[in-house]
Amino acid sequence: MRGSGTPINSSEEAALEHLEQYVDTLGGDERLTRADAVAHLVEQGSERPDAREHIEQLLLKGYLYEVDDHLRIPSRP
């Protein structure tokens, strides 16, 4: 559980790692939307409702943030 004061569970940690890897593959001007994040997590084996819930929890706990309909992952030490 890195970078935030609020711990995340193992499935949220796995979702965050999948999203970090996905963001690393995006081109310089491509941005991650919530819909893209959900679709990616579904491709990785999550059920759609679970993927949505993971993203929501990561947002609430400060592991993701949303700006202008795009998700961003803050730097972690």
PDB file of N, CA and C in Angstrom:
ATOM      1  N   MET A   1       0.836  -1.156   0.000  1.00  0.00           N
ATOM      2  CA  MET A   1       0.000   0.000   0.000  1.00  0.00           C
ATOM      3  C   MET A   1       0.897   1.240   0.000  1.00  0.00           C
ATOM      4  N   ARG A   2       1.137   1.748  -1.148  1.00  0.00           N
ATOM      5  CA  ARG A   2       2.097   2.826  -1.305  1.00  0.00           C
ATOM      6  C   ARG A   2       1.400   4.165  -1.512  1.00  0.00           C
ATOM      7  N   GLY A   3       2.043   5.214  -1.070  1.00  0.00           N
ATOM      8  CA  GLY A   3       1.715   6.553  -1.503  1.00  0.00           C
ATOM      9  C   GLY A   3       0.547   7.251  -0.858  1.00  0.00           C
ATOM     10  N   SER A   4      -0.326   6.594  -0.177  1.00  0.00           N
ATOM     11  CA  SER A   4      -1.470   7.263   0.405  1.00  0.00           C
ATOM     12  C   SER A   4      -1.625   6.796   1.838  1.00  0.00           C
ATOM     13  N   GLY A   5      -2.285   7.603   2.651  1.00  0.00           N
ATOM     14  CA  GLY A   5      -2.507   7.214   4.027  1.00  0.00           C
ATOM     15  C   GLY A   5      -3.601   6.174   4.174  1.00  0.00           C
ATOM     16  N   THR A   6      -4.450   6.031   3.187  1.00  0.00           N
ATOM     17  CA  THR A   6      -5.553   5.087   3.247  1.00  0.00           C
ATOM     18  C   THR A   6      -5.159   3.805   2.532  1.00  0.00           C
ATOM     19  N   PRO A   7      -5.120   2.700   3.256  1.00  0.00           N
ATOM     20  CA  PRO A   7      -4.720   1.441   2.618  1.00  0.00           C
ATOM     21  C   PRO A   7      -5.744   0.940   1.608  1.00  0.00           C
ATOM     22  N   ILE A   8      -5.255   0.195   0.634  1.00  0.00           N
ATOM     23  CA  ILE A   8      -6.129  -0.437  -0.342  1.00  0.00           C
ATOM     24  C   ILE A   8      -5.977  -1.949  -0.211  1.00  0.00           C
ATOM     25  N   ASN A   9      -7.027  -2.663  -0.609  1.00  0.00           N
ATOM     26  CA  ASN A   9      -6.963  -4.124  -0.509  1.00  0.00           C
ATOM     27  C   ASN A   9      -6.211  -4.698  -1.708  1.00  0.00           C
ATOM     28  N   SER A  10      -5.991  -5.990  -1.683  1.00  0.00           N
ATOM     29  CA  SER A  10      -5.165  -6.622  -2.717  1.00  0.00           C
ATOM     30  C   SER A  10      -5.783  -6.517  -4.107  1.00  0.00           C
ATOM     31  N   SER A  11      -7.095  -6.577  -4.218  1.00  0.00           N
ATOM     32  CA  SER A  11      -7.708  -6.472  -5.549  1.00  0.00           C
ATOM     33  C   SER A  11      -7.623  -5.039  -6.077  1.00  0.00           C
ATOM     34  N   GLU A  12      -7.715  -4.046  -5.186  1.00  0.00           N
ATOM     35  CA  GLU A  12      -7.536  -2.657  -5.608  1.00  0.00           C
ATOM     36  C   GLU A  12      -6.085  -2.408  -6.005  1.00  0.00           C
ATOM     37  N   GLU A  13      -5.158  -3.002  -5.258  1.00  0.00           N
ATOM     38  CA  GLU A  13      -3.729  -2.885  -5.589  1.00  0.00           C
ATOM     39  C   GLU A  13      -3.450  -3.483  -6.969  1.00  0.00           C
ATOM     40  N   ALA A  14      -4.045  -4.648  -7.244  1.00  0.00           N
ATOM     41  CA  ALA A  14      -3.858  -5.286  -8.553  1.00  0.00           C
ATOM     42  C   ALA A  14      -4.452  -4.415  -9.659  1.00  0.00           C
ATOM     43  N   ALA A  15      -5.620  -3.839  -9.415  1.00  0.00           N
ATOM     44  CA  ALA A  15      -6.243  -2.955 -10.413  1.00  0.00           C
ATOM     45  C   ALA A  15      -5.357  -1.751 -10.675  1.00  0.00           C
ATOM     46  N   LEU A  16      -4.807  -1.161  -9.610  1.00  0.00           N
ATOM     47  CA  LEU A  16      -3.930  -0.007  -9.768  1.00  0.00           C
ATOM     48  C   LEU A  16      -2.689  -0.376 -10.571  1.00  0.00           C
ATOM     49  N   GLU A  17      -2.106  -1.519 -10.292  1.00  0.00           N
ATOM     50  CA  GLU A  17      -0.929  -1.956 -11.044  1.00  0.00           C
ATOM     51  C   GLU A  17      -1.261  -2.160 -12.522  1.00  0.00           C
ATOM     52  N   HIS A  18      -2.425  -2.743 -12.816  1.00  0.00           N
ATOM     53  CA  HIS A  18      -2.844  -2.907 -14.211  1.00  0.00           C
ATOM     54  C   HIS A  18      -2.999  -1.540 -14.884  1.00  0.00           C
ATOM     55  N   LEU A  19      -3.592  -0.595 -14.166  1.00  0.00           N
ATOM     56  CA  LEU A  19      -3.787   0.736 -14.742  1.00  0.00           C
ATOM     57  C   LEU A  19      -2.462   1.453 -14.948  1.00  0.00           C
ATOM     58  N   GLU A  20      -1.528   1.302 -14.022  1.00  0.00           N
ATOM     59  CA  GLU A  20      -0.205   1.915 -14.192  1.00  0.00           C
ATOM     60  C   GLU A  20       0.485   1.360 -15.432  1.00  0.00           C
ATOM     61  N   GLN A  21       0.421   0.056 -15.618  1.00  0.00           N
ATOM     62  CA  GLN A  21       1.036  -0.559 -16.794  1.00  0.00           C
ATOM     63  C   GLN A  21       0.352  -0.076 -18.073  1.00  0.00           C
ATOM     64  N   TYR A  22      -0.961   0.041 -18.025  1.00  0.00           N
ATOM     65  CA  TYR A  22      -1.714   0.507 -19.192  1.00  0.00           C
ATOM     66  C   TYR A  22      -1.337   1.946 -19.535  1.00  0.00           C
ATOM     67  N   VAL A  23      -1.255   2.803 -18.536  1.00  0.00           N
ATOM     68  CA  VAL A  23      -0.900   4.205 -18.765  1.00  0.00           C
ATOM     69  C   VAL A  23       0.492   4.300 -19.382  1.00  0.00           C
ATOM     70  N   ASP A  24       1.394   3.422 -18.972  1.00  0.00           N
ATOM     71  CA  ASP A  24       2.753   3.419 -19.530  1.00  0.00           C
ATOM     72  C   ASP A  24       2.754   3.117 -21.029  1.00  0.00           C
ATOM     73  N   THR A  25       1.723   2.438 -21.522  1.00  0.00           N
ATOM     74  CA  THR A  25       1.666   2.095 -22.948  1.00  0.00           C
ATOM     75  C   THR A  25       0.996   3.174 -23.790  1.00  0.00           C
ATOM     76  N   LEU A  26       0.347   4.137 -23.132  1.00  0.00           N
ATOM     77  CA  LEU A  26      -0.347   5.183 -23.881  1.00  0.00           C
ATOM     78  C   LEU A  26       0.650   6.143 -24.512  1.00  0.00           C
ATOM     79  N   GLY A  27       0.272   6.680 -25.651  1.00  0.00           N
ATOM     80  CA  GLY A  27       1.093   7.689 -26.305  1.00  0.00           C
ATOM     81  C   GLY A  27       1.115   8.967 -25.490  1.00  0.00           C
ATOM     82  N   GLY A  28       2.035   9.855 -25.800  1.00  0.00           N
ATOM     83  CA  GLY A  28       2.219  11.084 -25.042  1.00  0.00           C
ATOM     84  C   GLY A  28       0.990  11.952 -24.900  1.00  0.00           C
ATOM     85  N   ASP A  29       0.142  12.018 -25.932  1.00  0.00           N
ATOM     86  CA  ASP A  29      -1.029  12.889 -25.841  1.00  0.00           C
ATOM     87  C   ASP A  29      -2.317  12.122 -25.532  1.00  0.00           C
ATOM     88  N   GLU A  30      -2.230  10.814 -25.344  1.00  0.00           N
ATOM     89  CA  GLU A  30      -3.405  10.024 -24.987  1.00  0.00           C
ATOM     90  C   GLU A  30      -3.656  10.142 -23.493  1.00  0.00           C
ATOM     91  N   ARG A  31      -4.930  10.200 -23.133  1.00  0.00           N
ATOM     92  CA  ARG A  31      -5.319  10.311 -21.733  1.00  0.00           C
ATOM     93  C   ARG A  31      -6.218   9.141 -21.358  1.00  0.00           C
ATOM     94  N   LEU A  32      -6.178   8.763 -20.104  1.00  0.00           N
ATOM     95  CA  LEU A  32      -6.974   7.662 -19.600  1.00  0.00           C
ATOM     96  C   LEU A  32      -8.322   8.181 -19.110  1.00  0.00           C
ATOM     97  N   THR A  33      -9.394   7.706 -19.703  1.00  0.00           N
ATOM     98  CA  THR A  33     -10.730   8.042 -19.225  1.00  0.00           C
ATOM     99  C   THR A  33     -11.210   6.946 -18.292  1.00  0.00           C
ATOM    100  N   ARG A  34     -12.254   7.245 -17.550  1.00  0.00           N
ATOM    101  CA  ARG A  34     -12.812   6.232 -16.656  1.00  0.00           C
ATOM    102  C   ARG A  34     -13.316   5.037 -17.469  1.00  0.00           C
ATOM    103  N   ALA A  35     -13.958   5.310 -18.614  1.00  0.00           N
ATOM    104  CA  ALA A  35     -14.454   4.221 -19.465  1.00  0.00           C
ATOM    105  C   ALA A  35     -13.308   3.354 -19.973  1.00  0.00           C
ATOM    106  N   ASP A  36     -12.204   3.981 -20.371  1.00  0.00           N
ATOM    107  CA  ASP A  36     -11.028   3.226 -20.818  1.00  0.00           C
ATOM    108  C   ASP A  36     -10.463   2.375 -19.692  1.00  0.00           C
ATOM    109  N   ALA A  37     -10.421   2.937 -18.482  1.00  0.00           N
ATOM    110  CA  ALA A  37      -9.893   2.212 -17.335  1.00  0.00           C
ATOM    111  C   ALA A  37     -10.756   0.996 -17.019  1.00  0.00           C
ATOM    112  N   VAL A  38     -12.075   1.179 -17.034  1.00  0.00           N
ATOM    113  CA  VAL A  38     -12.984   0.059 -16.790  1.00  0.00           C
ATOM    114  C   VAL A  38     -12.794  -1.009 -17.858  1.00  0.00           C
ATOM    115  N   ALA A  39     -12.762  -0.596 -19.128  1.00  0.00           N
ATOM    116  CA  ALA A  39     -12.597  -1.553 -20.226  1.00  0.00           C
ATOM    117  C   ALA A  39     -11.285  -2.320 -20.081  1.00  0.00           C
ATOM    118  N   HIS A  40     -10.221  -1.631 -19.697  1.00  0.00           N
ATOM    119  CA  HIS A  40      -8.933  -2.307 -19.539  1.00  0.00           C
ATOM    120  C   HIS A  40      -8.987  -3.331 -18.407  1.00  0.00           C
ATOM    121  N   LEU A  41      -9.580  -2.961 -17.289  1.00  0.00           N
ATOM    122  CA  LEU A  41      -9.664  -3.897 -16.173  1.00  0.00           C
ATOM    123  C   LEU A  41     -10.536  -5.101 -16.526  1.00  0.00           C
ATOM    124  N   VAL A  42     -11.579  -4.890 -17.313  1.00  0.00           N
ATOM    125  CA  VAL A  42     -12.410  -6.006 -17.779  1.00  0.00           C
ATOM    126  C   VAL A  42     -11.577  -6.929 -18.669  1.00  0.00           C
ATOM    127  N   GLU A  43     -10.763  -6.340 -19.542  1.00  0.00           N
ATOM    128  CA  GLU A  43      -9.877  -7.145 -20.395  1.00  0.00           C
ATOM    129  C   GLU A  43      -8.890  -7.959 -19.558  1.00  0.00           C
ATOM    130  N   GLN A  44      -8.545  -7.455 -18.380  1.00  0.00           N
ATOM    131  CA  GLN A  44      -7.600  -8.140 -17.502  1.00  0.00           C
ATOM    132  C   GLN A  44      -8.279  -9.184 -16.612  1.00  0.00           C
ATOM    133  N   GLY A  45      -9.596  -9.344 -16.767  1.00  0.00           N
ATOM    134  CA  GLY A  45     -10.298 -10.398 -16.046  1.00  0.00           C
ATOM    135  C   GLY A  45     -11.269  -9.954 -14.977  1.00  0.00           C
ATOM    136  N   SER A  46     -11.380  -8.665 -14.737  1.00  0.00           N
ATOM    137  CA  SER A  46     -12.343  -8.177 -13.746  1.00  0.00           C
ATOM    138  C   SER A  46     -13.746  -8.173 -14.336  1.00  0.00           C
ATOM    139  N   GLU A  47     -14.719  -8.365 -13.488  1.00  0.00           N
ATOM    140  CA  GLU A  47     -16.111  -8.159 -13.890  1.00  0.00           C
ATOM    141  C   GLU A  47     -16.340  -6.655 -13.959  1.00  0.00           C
ATOM    142  N   ARG A  48     -17.197  -6.200 -14.882  1.00  0.00           N
ATOM    143  CA  ARG A  48     -17.425  -4.762 -15.058  1.00  0.00           C
ATOM    144  C   ARG A  48     -17.811  -4.055 -13.745  1.00  0.00           C
ATOM    145  N   PRO A  49     -18.749  -4.592 -12.952  1.00  0.00           N
ATOM    146  CA  PRO A  49     -19.084  -3.893 -11.697  1.00  0.00           C
ATOM    147  C   PRO A  49     -17.890  -3.814 -10.733  1.00  0.00           C
ATOM    148  N   ASP A  50     -17.079  -4.855 -10.704  1.00  0.00           N
ATOM    149  CA  ASP A  50     -15.891  -4.849  -9.846  1.00  0.00           C
ATOM    150  C   ASP A  50     -14.881  -3.812 -10.335  1.00  0.00           C
ATOM    151  N   ALA A  51     -14.696  -3.731 -11.635  1.00  0.00           N
ATOM    152  CA  ALA A  51     -13.761  -2.755 -12.196  1.00  0.00           C
ATOM    153  C   ALA A  51     -14.196  -1.338 -11.840  1.00  0.00           C
ATOM    154  N   ARG A  52     -15.490  -1.068 -11.985  1.00  0.00           N
ATOM    155  CA  ARG A  52     -16.006   0.262 -11.627  1.00  0.00           C
ATOM    156  C   ARG A  52     -15.778   0.555 -10.144  1.00  0.00           C
ATOM    157  N   GLU A  53     -16.033  -0.440  -9.299  1.00  0.00           N
ATOM    158  CA  GLU A  53     -15.865  -0.262  -7.857  1.00  0.00           C
ATOM    159  C   GLU A  53     -14.395  -0.048  -7.494  1.00  0.00           C
ATOM    160  N   HIS A  54     -13.489  -0.780  -8.129  1.00  0.00           N
ATOM    161  CA  HIS A  54     -12.057  -0.584  -7.864  1.00  0.00           C
ATOM    162  C   HIS A  54     -11.642   0.847  -8.202  1.00  0.00           C
ATOM    163  N   ILE A  55     -12.087   1.327  -9.340  1.00  0.00           N
ATOM    164  CA  ILE A  55     -11.730   2.689  -9.750  1.00  0.00           C
ATOM    165  C   ILE A  55     -12.303   3.695  -8.762  1.00  0.00           C
ATOM    166  N   GLU A  56     -13.548   3.505  -8.371  1.00  0.00           N
ATOM    167  CA  GLU A  56     -14.178   4.414  -7.415  1.00  0.00           C
ATOM    168  C   GLU A  56     -13.417   4.427  -6.087  1.00  0.00           C
ATOM    169  N   GLN A  57     -13.043   3.258  -5.590  1.00  0.00           N
ATOM    170  CA  GLN A  57     -12.304   3.176  -4.327  1.00  0.00           C
ATOM    171  C   GLN A  57     -10.913   3.799  -4.456  1.00  0.00           C
ATOM    172  N   LEU A  58     -10.259   3.580  -5.587  1.00  0.00           N
ATOM    173  CA  LEU A  58      -8.935   4.184  -5.793  1.00  0.00           C
ATOM    174  C   LEU A  58      -9.033   5.701  -5.845  1.00  0.00           C
ATOM    175  N   LEU A  59     -10.108   6.215  -6.415  1.00  0.00           N
ATOM    176  CA  LEU A  59     -10.338   7.664  -6.423  1.00  0.00           C
ATOM    177  C   LEU A  59     -10.586   8.173  -5.006  1.00  0.00           C
ATOM    178  N   LEU A  60     -11.458   7.492  -4.272  1.00  0.00           N
ATOM    179  CA  LEU A  60     -11.804   7.925  -2.921  1.00  0.00           C
ATOM    180  C   LEU A  60     -10.603   7.876  -1.977  1.00  0.00           C
ATOM    181  N   LYS A  61      -9.712   6.931  -2.197  1.00  0.00           N
ATOM    182  CA  LYS A  61      -8.560   6.745  -1.304  1.00  0.00           C
ATOM    183  C   LYS A  61      -7.321   7.514  -1.755  1.00  0.00           C
ATOM    184  N   GLY A  62      -7.423   8.231  -2.882  1.00  0.00           N
ATOM    185  CA  GLY A  62      -6.326   9.083  -3.322  1.00  0.00           C
ATOM    186  C   GLY A  62      -5.266   8.424  -4.181  1.00  0.00           C
ATOM    187  N   TYR A  63      -5.529   7.216  -4.651  1.00  0.00           N
ATOM    188  CA  TYR A  63      -4.567   6.529  -5.518  1.00  0.00           C
ATOM    189  C   TYR A  63      -4.768   6.889  -6.986  1.00  0.00           C
ATOM    190  N   LEU A  64      -5.923   7.436  -7.307  1.00  0.00           N
ATOM    191  CA  LEU A  64      -6.229   7.995  -8.617  1.00  0.00           C
ATOM    192  C   LEU A  64      -6.876   9.348  -8.368  1.00  0.00           C
ATOM    193  N   TYR A  65      -6.796  10.222  -9.356  1.00  0.00           N
ATOM    194  CA  TYR A  65      -7.607  11.424  -9.305  1.00  0.00           C
ATOM    195  C   TYR A  65      -8.106  11.727 -10.703  1.00  0.00           C
ATOM    196  N   GLU A  66      -9.178  12.501 -10.756  1.00  0.00           N
ATOM    197  CA  GLU A  66      -9.845  12.764 -12.025  1.00  0.00           C
ATOM    198  C   GLU A  66      -9.833  14.262 -12.299  1.00  0.00           C
ATOM    199  N   VAL A  67      -9.366  14.626 -13.490  1.00  0.00           N
ATOM    200  CA  VAL A  67      -9.310  16.011 -13.924  1.00  0.00           C
ATOM    201  C   VAL A  67      -9.866  16.078 -15.331  1.00  0.00           C
ATOM    202  N   ASP A  68     -10.893  16.897 -15.530  1.00  0.00           N
ATOM    203  CA  ASP A  68     -11.480  17.072 -16.862  1.00  0.00           C
ATOM    204  C   ASP A  68     -11.802  15.737 -17.532  1.00  0.00           C
ATOM    205  N   ASP A  69     -12.460  14.847 -16.805  1.00  0.00           N
ATOM    206  CA  ASP A  69     -12.891  13.544 -17.320  1.00  0.00           C
ATOM    207  C   ASP A  69     -11.741  12.595 -17.651  1.00  0.00           C
ATOM    208  N   HIS A  70     -10.561  12.874 -17.151  1.00  0.00           N
ATOM    209  CA  HIS A  70      -9.413  11.988 -17.346  1.00  0.00           C
ATOM    210  C   HIS A  70      -8.882  11.549 -15.997  1.00  0.00           C
ATOM    211  N   LEU A  71      -8.492  10.292 -15.920  1.00  0.00           N
ATOM    212  CA  LEU A  71      -7.910   9.768 -14.697  1.00  0.00           C
ATOM    213  C   LEU A  71      -6.403   9.959 -14.722  1.00  0.00           C
ATOM    214  N   ARG A  72      -5.871  10.259 -13.561  1.00  0.00           N
ATOM    215  CA  ARG A  72      -4.420  10.390 -13.427  1.00  0.00           C
ATOM    216  C   ARG A  72      -3.978   9.592 -12.219  1.00  0.00           C
ATOM    217  N   ILE A  73      -2.779   9.086 -12.320  1.00  0.00           N
ATOM    218  CA  ILE A  73      -2.199   8.320 -11.221  1.00  0.00           C
ATOM    219  C   ILE A  73      -1.077   9.170 -10.636  1.00  0.00           C
ATOM    220  N   PRO A  74      -1.228   9.584  -9.384  1.00  0.00           N
ATOM    221  CA  PRO A  74      -0.148  10.394  -8.776  1.00  0.00           C
ATOM    222  C   PRO A  74       1.134   9.588  -8.654  1.00  0.00           C
ATOM    223  N   SER A  75       2.238  10.272  -8.655  1.00  0.00           N
ATOM    224  CA  SER A  75       3.532   9.628  -8.447  1.00  0.00           C
ATOM    225  C   SER A  75       3.569   9.018  -7.063  1.00  0.00           C
ATOM    226  N   ARG A  76       4.191   7.865  -6.986  1.00  0.00           N
ATOM    227  CA  ARG A  76       4.327   7.196  -5.687  1.00  0.00           C
ATOM    228  C   ARG A  76       5.806   7.044  -5.378  1.00  0.00           C
ATOM    229  N   PRO A  77       6.162   7.219  -4.100  1.00  0.00           N
ATOM    230  CA  PRO A  77       7.580   7.105  -3.725  1.00  0.00           C
ATOM    231  C   PRO A  77       8.120   5.707  -3.939  1.00  0.00           C
TER     232      PRO A  77
END
